[in-house]
């Protein structure tokens, strides 16, 4: 999880209107964001496998989102 930049979390927080955020909150948001990405990533892989492909395409990601 350390390869996901803290500055990215801070930037995303600012973009949604958070002016100030504690380091603990940044760490927790990082965990949550990575869990969501992993969940949808796994679903997208399953969608690609179901379509008998190794390459995950946009349609697989969009289908995972539904």
N, C-alpha and C. Protein backbone atom coordinates (compact mmCIF):
# COMPACT_ATOMS: atom_id res chain seq x y z
N UNK A 1 0.81 -1.20 0.00
CA UNK A 1 0.00 0.00 0.00
C UNK A 1 0.85 1.27 0.00
N UNK A 2 2.11 1.12 0.29
CA UNK A 2 2.96 2.30 0.36
C UNK A 2 3.26 2.90 -1.01
N UNK A 3 2.97 2.15 -2.08
CA UNK A 3 3.26 2.67 -3.40
C UNK A 3 2.17 3.61 -3.91
N UNK A 4 1.10 3.78 -3.16
CA UNK A 4 0.03 4.71 -3.52
C UNK A 4 0.32 6.03 -2.81
N UNK A 5 0.65 7.08 -3.57
CA UNK A 5 1.13 8.32 -2.97
C UNK A 5 0.11 9.02 -2.07
N UNK A 6 0.59 9.46 -0.92
CA UNK A 6 -0.22 10.22 0.02
C UNK A 6 -0.68 11.53 -0.60
N UNK A 7 0.17 12.12 -1.42
CA UNK A 7 -0.19 13.38 -2.07
C UNK A 7 -1.41 13.22 -2.98
N UNK A 8 -1.57 12.05 -3.56
CA UNK A 8 -2.73 11.79 -4.39
C UNK A 8 -4.01 11.82 -3.56
N UNK A 9 -3.94 11.24 -2.37
CA UNK A 9 -5.10 11.25 -1.46
C UNK A 9 -5.42 12.69 -1.06
N UNK A 10 -4.38 13.46 -0.75
CA UNK A 10 -4.59 14.86 -0.36
C UNK A 10 -5.23 15.65 -1.50
N UNK A 11 -4.77 15.41 -2.72
CA UNK A 11 -5.32 16.11 -3.89
C UNK A 11 -6.78 15.74 -4.10
N UNK A 12 -7.08 14.44 -4.00
CA UNK A 12 -8.47 13.99 -4.15
C UNK A 12 -9.35 14.61 -3.06
N UNK A 13 -8.83 14.67 -1.85
CA UNK A 13 -9.58 15.27 -0.74
C UNK A 13 -9.90 16.73 -1.04
N UNK A 14 -8.91 17.47 -1.53
CA UNK A 14 -9.14 18.88 -1.87
C UNK A 14 -10.17 19.03 -2.98
N UNK A 15 -10.11 18.12 -3.96
CA UNK A 15 -11.05 18.20 -5.09
C UNK A 15 -12.50 17.99 -4.66
N UNK A 16 -12.72 17.26 -3.57
CA UNK A 16 -14.09 17.05 -3.10
C UNK A 16 -14.48 18.03 -2.00
N UNK A 17 -13.59 18.99 -1.72
CA UNK A 17 -13.94 20.05 -0.78
C UNK A 17 -13.36 19.95 0.61
N UNK A 18 -12.51 18.97 0.85
CA UNK A 18 -11.87 18.85 2.16
C UNK A 18 -10.69 19.82 2.20
N UNK A 19 -10.76 20.81 3.08
CA UNK A 19 -9.69 21.79 3.17
C UNK A 19 -8.51 21.29 4.00
N UNK A 20 -8.81 20.62 5.10
CA UNK A 20 -7.78 20.08 5.96
C UNK A 20 -8.13 18.63 6.29
N UNK A 21 -7.09 17.77 6.35
CA UNK A 21 -7.31 16.36 6.64
C UNK A 21 -6.15 15.83 7.46
N UNK A 22 -6.45 15.05 8.49
CA UNK A 22 -5.40 14.51 9.36
C UNK A 22 -4.68 13.35 8.66
N UNK A 23 -3.48 13.06 9.15
CA UNK A 23 -2.71 11.95 8.60
C UNK A 23 -3.43 10.62 8.80
N UNK A 24 -4.11 10.47 9.94
CA UNK A 24 -4.87 9.24 10.19
C UNK A 24 -6.00 9.09 9.18
N UNK A 25 -6.67 10.18 8.88
CA UNK A 25 -7.76 10.14 7.90
C UNK A 25 -7.23 9.82 6.52
N UNK A 26 -6.07 10.37 6.17
CA UNK A 26 -5.45 10.07 4.87
C UNK A 26 -5.13 8.59 4.77
N UNK A 27 -4.55 8.03 5.83
CA UNK A 27 -4.20 6.60 5.83
C UNK A 27 -5.44 5.73 5.66
N UNK A 28 -6.52 6.09 6.35
CA UNK A 28 -7.75 5.30 6.26
C UNK A 28 -8.38 5.43 4.87
N UNK A 29 -8.40 6.63 4.31
CA UNK A 29 -8.92 6.80 2.95
C UNK A 29 -8.12 5.98 1.95
N UNK A 30 -6.82 5.94 2.15
CA UNK A 30 -5.94 5.15 1.29
C UNK A 30 -6.34 3.68 1.33
N UNK A 31 -6.56 3.15 2.52
CA UNK A 31 -6.97 1.75 2.67
C UNK A 31 -8.30 1.50 1.97
N UNK A 32 -9.25 2.39 2.18
CA UNK A 32 -10.58 2.24 1.60
C UNK A 32 -10.52 2.29 0.08
N UNK A 33 -9.80 3.26 -0.46
CA UNK A 33 -9.68 3.41 -1.92
C UNK A 33 -9.05 2.16 -2.53
N UNK A 34 -7.99 1.66 -1.90
CA UNK A 34 -7.34 0.46 -2.43
C UNK A 34 -8.23 -0.77 -2.34
N UNK A 35 -9.04 -0.88 -1.29
CA UNK A 35 -9.98 -2.00 -1.17
C UNK A 35 -11.02 -1.94 -2.28
N UNK A 36 -11.52 -0.76 -2.56
CA UNK A 36 -12.51 -0.59 -3.63
C UNK A 36 -11.88 -0.94 -4.98
N UNK A 37 -10.66 -0.46 -5.21
CA UNK A 37 -9.98 -0.74 -6.47
C UNK A 37 -9.74 -2.24 -6.64
N UNK A 38 -9.36 -2.90 -5.55
CA UNK A 38 -9.13 -4.34 -5.61
C UNK A 38 -10.43 -5.09 -5.92
N UNK A 39 -11.51 -4.69 -5.27
CA UNK A 39 -12.81 -5.34 -5.49
C UNK A 39 -13.23 -5.23 -6.95
N UNK A 40 -13.20 -4.01 -7.48
CA UNK A 40 -13.63 -3.82 -8.87
C UNK A 40 -12.64 -4.41 -9.86
N UNK A 41 -11.37 -4.40 -9.51
CA UNK A 41 -10.37 -5.02 -10.37
C UNK A 41 -10.60 -6.52 -10.50
N UNK A 42 -10.86 -7.16 -9.37
CA UNK A 42 -11.13 -8.60 -9.39
C UNK A 42 -12.40 -8.91 -10.21
N UNK A 43 -13.42 -8.09 -10.04
CA UNK A 43 -14.65 -8.29 -10.79
C UNK A 43 -14.41 -8.10 -12.29
N UNK A 44 -13.60 -7.13 -12.64
CA UNK A 44 -13.29 -6.88 -14.05
C UNK A 44 -12.52 -8.06 -14.65
N UNK A 45 -11.62 -8.64 -13.89
CA UNK A 45 -10.87 -9.82 -14.35
C UNK A 45 -11.84 -10.98 -14.58
N UNK A 46 -12.75 -11.18 -13.67
CA UNK A 46 -13.74 -12.25 -13.84
C UNK A 46 -14.59 -12.02 -15.09
N UNK A 47 -14.96 -10.77 -15.34
CA UNK A 47 -15.73 -10.46 -16.54
C UNK A 47 -14.94 -10.79 -17.80
N UNK A 48 -13.66 -10.47 -17.81
CA UNK A 48 -12.81 -10.78 -18.96
C UNK A 48 -12.69 -12.29 -19.15
N UNK A 49 -12.50 -13.02 -18.04
CA UNK A 49 -12.39 -14.48 -18.12
C UNK A 49 -13.68 -15.08 -18.66
N UNK A 50 -14.81 -14.55 -18.22
CA UNK A 50 -16.11 -15.04 -18.69
C UNK A 50 -16.24 -14.85 -20.20
N UNK A 51 -15.65 -13.76 -20.70
CA UNK A 51 -15.68 -13.49 -22.14
C UNK A 51 -14.54 -14.20 -22.88
N UNK A 52 -13.83 -15.08 -22.14
CA UNK A 52 -12.72 -15.85 -22.69
C UNK A 52 -11.60 -14.97 -23.22
N UNK A 53 -11.29 -13.92 -22.45
CA UNK A 53 -10.20 -13.02 -22.77
C UNK A 53 -9.25 -12.92 -21.59
N UNK A 54 -7.99 -12.62 -21.89
CA UNK A 54 -7.01 -12.35 -20.83
C UNK A 54 -6.90 -10.86 -20.58
N UNK A 55 -7.24 -10.08 -21.58
CA UNK A 55 -7.15 -8.63 -21.48
C UNK A 55 -8.42 -8.06 -20.88
N UNK A 56 -8.26 -7.27 -19.83
CA UNK A 56 -9.40 -6.57 -19.23
C UNK A 56 -9.66 -5.32 -20.07
N UNK A 57 -10.88 -5.20 -20.53
CA UNK A 57 -11.27 -4.05 -21.36
C UNK A 57 -12.18 -3.12 -20.57
N UNK A 58 -12.41 -1.96 -21.16
CA UNK A 58 -13.28 -0.97 -20.54
C UNK A 58 -14.63 -1.57 -20.19
N UNK A 59 -15.17 -2.36 -21.07
CA UNK A 59 -16.49 -2.96 -20.84
C UNK A 59 -16.49 -3.84 -19.58
N UNK A 60 -15.37 -4.50 -19.30
CA UNK A 60 -15.27 -5.34 -18.11
C UNK A 60 -15.31 -4.49 -16.84
N UNK A 61 -14.62 -3.37 -16.89
CA UNK A 61 -14.59 -2.47 -15.74
C UNK A 61 -15.97 -1.84 -15.53
N UNK A 62 -16.58 -1.42 -16.62
CA UNK A 62 -17.92 -0.80 -16.52
C UNK A 62 -18.95 -1.80 -16.02
N UNK A 63 -18.83 -3.04 -16.45
CA UNK A 63 -19.75 -4.08 -15.98
C UNK A 63 -19.53 -4.36 -14.50
N UNK A 64 -18.30 -4.30 -14.05
CA UNK A 64 -17.99 -4.51 -12.64
C UNK A 64 -18.59 -3.40 -11.78
N UNK A 65 -18.69 -2.24 -12.35
CA UNK A 65 -19.21 -1.07 -11.64
C UNK A 65 -20.71 -1.20 -11.37
N UNK A 66 -21.42 -1.93 -12.21
CA UNK A 66 -22.88 -2.03 -12.08
C UNK A 66 -23.33 -2.78 -10.87
